[in-house]
Amino acid sequence: MAQIGARFLALRASRHAALGLPGRPGVRRRLRAMRCAWCGGAAALLFALVLVLAACNRPPRESNGTPCRQHSIIAFGDSITFGAGLAPSLSYPARLSALLGKPVCNAGVNGNTTTLGLARLHADVLRFAPTDVLILFGTNDCGLFGPTVPLAPFRSNLEEMVRRIRSAGGTPILMSLTPFNAPLLRQNGLNPSAWSSYDAAIRAVATADSVSLIDLGRAFGGNVQLLADGIHPTAAGAALIARTVADFLAAPAIR
């Protein structure tokens, strides 16, 4: 065994010599360490590149029922747009799609504020070159469920959404906030006192930037029975939103 081991070491040394490699163990270890470090760095760089490419080329967002398509209508907002508590086919974008007979993408995300929405505007909206973008944010911004987005940033976020959508060739359409059931919310420890200020801010942006506004407050007429939990629309409430939007889109002269 000793002779075999010695012969193996001698053959390895001669091969290293033929390849011009240093024969000292310490040098070999350093070379191996350098190779490992290079491979590790290359692997990390490759992984980062894969993540970037995946983010840039991810497939169209699967909405709550309808995938986004190029040159279509996109409903952009929070859980009210998403259809929290409803089957995908009962969300307002899905009902709107059925009324119009054309695809309506549901780009609503539960819990979103205007700050979070603005951050995903390109990925979830602009890259599809939409014809119309229905913008419905504010329920989370006003602090019902988490930290408040102050009124000034809330307004500037909406203004920036409007600017970017127009720059991309789309038509932004603002939607006022849906009503809320104040006694029920307060009973559950939620404070809706800021709601009216945020609703007013949406209306102010619509006026200042000459953006069409769909008045959901008027459409609901204070009927809190259309709210499942005091905030989110029931199936009937979502259907009402869809009909209101469809009626608006059917009258392009007022846009």
Protein backbone atom coordinates (compact mmCIF):
# COMPACT_ATOMS: atom_id res chain seq x y z
CA MET A 1 0.00 0.00 0.00
CA ALA A 2 2.84 2.39 0.84
CA GLN A 3 4.37 1.81 -2.57
CA ILE A 4 1.04 2.40 -4.32
CA GLY A 5 0.53 5.61 -2.37
CA ALA A 6 4.02 6.81 -3.20
CA ARG A 7 3.54 5.99 -6.88
CA PHE A 8 0.22 7.93 -6.92
CA LEU A 9 1.86 10.97 -5.38
CA ALA A 10 4.72 10.79 -7.84
CA LEU A 11 2.35 10.55 -10.82
CA ARG A 12 0.33 13.52 -9.55
CA ALA A 13 3.49 15.53 -9.07
CA SER A 14 4.72 14.70 -12.57
CA ARG A 15 1.33 15.68 -14.04
CA HIS A 16 1.45 19.00 -12.20
CA ALA A 17 4.97 19.55 -13.48
CA ALA A 18 3.92 18.79 -17.07
CA LEU A 19 1.08 21.29 -16.76
CA GLY A 20 3.37 23.89 -15.22
CA LEU A 21 1.55 23.80 -11.89
CA PRO A 22 3.38 24.45 -8.62
CA GLY A 23 3.99 21.35 -6.62
CA ARG A 24 3.94 22.73 -3.10
CA PRO A 25 0.78 21.86 -1.15
CA GLY A 26 0.42 25.40 0.22
CA VAL A 27 0.45 26.92 -3.24
CA ARG A 28 -2.01 24.33 -4.51
CA ARG A 29 -4.35 25.11 -1.64
CA ARG A 30 -4.17 28.81 -2.44
CA LEU A 31 -4.92 28.12 -6.09
CA ARG A 32 -7.90 25.98 -5.13
CA ALA A 33 -9.13 28.76 -2.84
CA MET A 34 -8.76 31.29 -5.65
CA ARG A 35 -10.69 29.04 -8.02
CA CYS A 36 -13.44 28.52 -5.44
CA ALA A 37 -13.67 32.25 -4.79
CA TRP A 38 -13.92 32.97 -8.53
CA CYS A 39 -16.55 30.28 -9.02
CA GLY A 40 -18.54 31.55 -6.03
CA GLY A 41 -18.47 35.12 -7.33
CA ALA A 42 -19.47 34.02 -10.82
CA ALA A 43 -22.32 31.94 -9.41
CA ALA A 44 -23.57 34.88 -7.34
CA LEU A 45 -23.41 37.17 -10.38
CA LEU A 46 -25.26 34.62 -12.50
CA PHE A 47 -27.95 34.22 -9.81
CA ALA A 48 -28.43 37.99 -9.59
CA LEU A 49 -28.71 38.19 -13.38
CA VAL A 50 -31.35 35.46 -13.39
CA LEU A 51 -33.37 37.38 -10.78
CA VAL A 52 -33.18 40.59 -12.82
CA LEU A 53 -34.23 38.83 -16.01
CA ALA A 54 -37.06 37.10 -14.19
CA ALA A 55 -38.34 40.40 -12.84
CA CYS A 56 -38.15 42.05 -16.24
CA ASN A 57 -39.67 39.17 -18.18
CA ARG A 58 -42.13 37.67 -15.72
CA PRO A 59 -45.34 36.41 -17.32
CA PRO A 60 -48.44 38.61 -17.30
CA ARG A 61 -49.94 39.03 -13.83
CA GLU A 62 -52.68 36.55 -13.17
CA SER A 63 -55.45 38.81 -12.02
CA ASN A 64 -58.25 37.67 -9.77
CA GLY A 65 -59.73 35.88 -12.76
CA THR A 66 -58.41 37.52 -15.97
CA PRO A 67 -54.74 37.77 -17.03
CA CYS A 68 -53.47 41.14 -18.25
CA ARG A 69 -53.25 41.59 -22.00
CA GLN A 70 -51.76 44.20 -24.25
CA HIS A 71 -53.91 47.25 -25.09
CA SER A 72 -56.74 46.42 -22.72
CA ILE A 73 -58.50 48.04 -19.78
CA ILE A 74 -56.69 47.62 -16.46
CA ALA A 75 -58.33 47.97 -13.05
CA PHE A 76 -55.55 49.15 -10.74
CA GLY A 77 -55.98 49.30 -6.99
CA ASP A 78 -56.16 47.53 -3.65
CA SER A 79 -58.34 44.78 -2.18
CA ILE A 80 -61.56 46.46 -3.34
CA THR A 81 -60.34 46.06 -6.91
CA PHE A 82 -58.93 42.60 -6.25
CA GLY A 83 -62.25 41.44 -4.88
CA ALA A 84 -61.34 40.42 -1.34
CA GLY A 85 -63.73 37.77 -0.07
CA LEU A 86 -65.22 37.15 -3.51
CA ALA A 87 -64.77 34.43 -6.10
CA PRO A 88 -62.65 35.68 -9.03
CA SER A 89 -65.66 35.79 -11.33
CA LEU A 90 -67.48 38.12 -8.90
CA SER A 91 -64.82 40.83 -8.56
CA TYR A 92 -65.76 44.14 -10.13
CA PRO A 93 -63.15 43.86 -12.95
CA ALA A 94 -64.49 40.41 -13.89
CA ARG A 95 -68.07 41.67 -13.84
CA LEU A 96 -67.02 44.71 -15.88
CA SER A 97 -65.34 42.44 -18.43
CA ALA A 98 -68.59 40.48 -18.81
CA LEU A 99 -70.60 43.69 -19.26
CA LEU A 100 -68.21 45.13 -21.86
CA GLY A 101 -67.55 41.88 -23.68
CA LYS A 102 -63.80 42.52 -23.61
CA PRO A 103 -60.88 41.67 -21.28
CA VAL A 104 -60.46 43.78 -18.15
CA CYS A 105 -57.27 43.03 -16.24
CA ASN A 106 -57.53 42.91 -12.45
CA ALA A 107 -54.34 44.54 -11.13
CA GLY A 108 -55.64 44.89 -7.59
CA VAL A 109 -53.45 43.81 -4.69
CA ASN A 110 -54.74 43.29 -1.17
CA GLY A 111 -53.38 45.82 1.32
CA ASN A 112 -51.87 48.13 -1.29
CA THR A 113 -51.37 51.84 -0.74
CA THR A 114 -50.60 54.39 -3.45
CA THR A 115 -46.92 54.12 -2.51
CA LEU A 116 -46.91 50.37 -3.14
CA GLY A 117 -49.05 50.80 -6.22
CA LEU A 118 -46.71 53.38 -7.71
CA ALA A 119 -43.79 51.00 -7.17
CA ARG A 120 -45.47 48.30 -9.29
CA LEU A 121 -47.09 50.60 -11.84
CA HIS A 122 -44.75 49.67 -14.68
CA ALA A 123 -44.68 45.93 -14.02
CA ASP A 124 -48.41 45.53 -13.51
CA VAL A 125 -49.84 48.26 -15.73
CA LEU A 126 -47.65 50.24 -18.10
CA ARG A 127 -45.84 47.34 -19.74
CA PHE A 128 -49.21 46.18 -21.12
CA ALA A 129 -49.82 49.54 -22.90
CA PRO A 130 -53.38 49.83 -21.54
CA THR A 131 -56.07 51.88 -23.20
CA ASP A 132 -57.73 52.87 -19.91
CA VAL A 133 -56.55 52.53 -16.30
CA LEU A 134 -59.15 52.58 -13.52
CA ILE A 135 -57.37 53.88 -10.40
CA LEU A 136 -58.92 53.03 -7.02
CA PHE A 137 -56.68 53.59 -3.98
CA GLY A 138 -57.10 55.21 -0.58
CA THR A 139 -58.66 52.72 1.83
CA ASN A 140 -55.24 51.56 3.05
CA ASP A 141 -53.60 54.97 2.66
CA CYS A 142 -55.96 56.52 5.21
CA GLY A 143 -54.69 54.17 7.91
CA LEU A 144 -57.59 51.82 8.49
CA PHE A 145 -55.38 48.73 8.60
CA GLY A 146 -51.83 50.01 9.03
CA PRO A 147 -49.54 53.04 8.82
CA THR A 148 -51.06 56.05 7.12
CA VAL A 149 -49.70 57.48 3.88
CA PRO A 150 -49.95 61.21 4.66
CA LEU A 151 -52.26 63.27 2.48
CA ALA A 152 -49.51 65.14 0.62
CA PRO A 153 -47.67 61.97 -0.51
CA PHE A 154 -51.01 60.31 -1.23
CA ARG A 155 -51.95 63.11 -3.56
CA SER A 156 -48.52 63.25 -5.22
CA ASN A 157 -48.60 59.47 -5.73
CA LEU A 158 -51.91 59.77 -7.56
CA GLU A 159 -50.59 62.65 -9.64
CA GLU A 160 -47.52 60.64 -10.59
CA MET A 161 -49.67 57.65 -11.59
CA VAL A 162 -51.73 59.95 -13.81
CA ARG A 163 -48.62 61.46 -15.38
CA ARG A 164 -46.98 58.12 -16.13
CA ILE A 165 -50.13 56.54 -17.53
CA ARG A 166 -50.64 59.48 -19.84
CA SER A 167 -46.99 59.41 -20.91
CA ALA A 168 -47.46 55.76 -21.85
CA GLY A 169 -50.44 56.62 -24.05
CA GLY A 170 -53.18 55.41 -21.69
CA THR A 171 -56.18 57.20 -20.22
CA PRO A 172 -56.16 57.42 -16.40
CA ILE A 173 -59.57 57.36 -14.70
CA LEU A 174 -59.77 58.11 -10.99
CA MET A 175 -62.41 56.51 -8.81
CA SER A 176 -63.62 57.99 -5.55
CA LEU A 177 -63.60 55.86 -2.42
CA THR A 178 -66.41 53.43 -1.75
CA PRO A 179 -68.47 54.21 1.39
CA PHE A 180 -67.91 52.51 4.74
CA ASN A 181 -70.02 51.32 7.63
CA ALA A 182 -68.69 53.56 10.41
CA PRO A 183 -70.46 51.90 13.40
CA LEU A 184 -69.30 48.45 12.32
CA LEU A 185 -65.72 49.61 11.81
CA ARG A 186 -65.56 51.37 15.17
CA GLN A 187 -67.06 48.31 16.82
CA ASN A 188 -64.07 46.39 15.49
CA GLY A 189 -61.51 48.95 16.62
CA LEU A 190 -61.02 50.73 13.29
CA ASN A 191 -61.08 54.50 12.94
CA PRO A 192 -62.43 55.77 9.59
CA SER A 193 -62.19 59.45 10.52
CA ALA A 194 -59.59 60.21 7.82
CA TRP A 195 -61.65 58.64 5.03
CA SER A 196 -63.35 61.87 3.92
CA SER A 197 -60.02 63.72 3.64
CA TYR A 198 -58.60 61.06 1.32
CA ASP A 199 -61.75 60.93 -0.75
CA ALA A 200 -61.55 64.70 -1.09
CA ALA A 201 -57.90 64.44 -2.17
CA ILE A 202 -58.84 62.04 -4.99
CA ARG A 203 -61.48 64.50 -6.20
CA ALA A 204 -59.00 67.38 -5.95
CA VAL A 205 -56.44 65.55 -8.11
CA ALA A 206 -59.15 64.79 -10.67
CA THR A 207 -60.05 68.47 -10.87
CA ALA A 208 -56.51 69.85 -10.84
CA ASP A 209 -55.16 67.41 -13.45
CA SER A 210 -58.31 67.25 -15.61
CA VAL A 211 -58.77 63.54 -14.96
CA SER A 212 -62.15 61.87 -15.30
CA LEU A 213 -63.66 60.77 -11.99
CA ILE A 214 -66.10 57.93 -11.36
CA ASP A 215 -68.08 58.81 -8.23
CA LEU A 216 -68.56 55.56 -6.34
CA GLY A 217 -69.95 57.37 -3.32
CA ARG A 218 -72.86 58.59 -5.39
CA ALA A 219 -73.30 55.15 -6.96
CA PHE A 220 -73.58 53.43 -3.56
CA GLY A 221 -75.86 56.13 -2.20
CA GLY A 222 -74.84 55.29 1.37
CA ASN A 223 -76.11 51.72 1.12
CA VAL A 224 -73.84 49.95 3.62
CA GLN A 225 -75.70 46.68 3.00
CA LEU A 226 -73.50 46.42 -0.10
CA LEU A 227 -70.42 46.14 2.14
CA ALA A 228 -69.59 42.69 3.47
CA ASP A 229 -67.44 43.77 6.41
CA GLY A 230 -68.07 47.48 6.50
CA ILE A 231 -65.44 48.17 3.82
CA HIS A 232 -65.23 45.53 1.09
CA PRO A 233 -68.10 45.25 -1.37
CA THR A 234 -70.34 42.22 -1.42
CA ALA A 235 -70.98 40.49 -4.76
CA ALA A 236 -73.86 42.92 -5.27
CA GLY A 237 -71.58 45.84 -4.38
CA ALA A 238 -68.94 44.70 -6.86
CA ALA A 239 -71.66 44.34 -9.51
CA LEU A 240 -72.75 47.92 -8.78
CA ILE A 241 -69.19 49.18 -9.27
CA ALA A 242 -68.94 47.27 -12.54
CA ARG A 243 -72.22 48.73 -13.84
CA THR A 244 -71.16 52.23 -12.81
CA VAL A 245 -67.86 51.92 -14.65
CA ALA A 246 -69.48 50.34 -17.70
CA ASP A 247 -71.98 53.20 -17.92
CA PHE A 248 -69.13 55.69 -17.67
CA LEU A 249 -67.09 54.00 -20.39
CA ALA A 250 -70.15 53.87 -22.64
CA ALA A 251 -70.33 57.68 -22.61
CA PRO A 252 -66.93 58.72 -24.02
CA ALA A 253 -68.08 62.27 -24.66
CA ILE A 254 -67.82 63.05 -20.96
CA ARG A 255 -64.29 61.69 -20.63
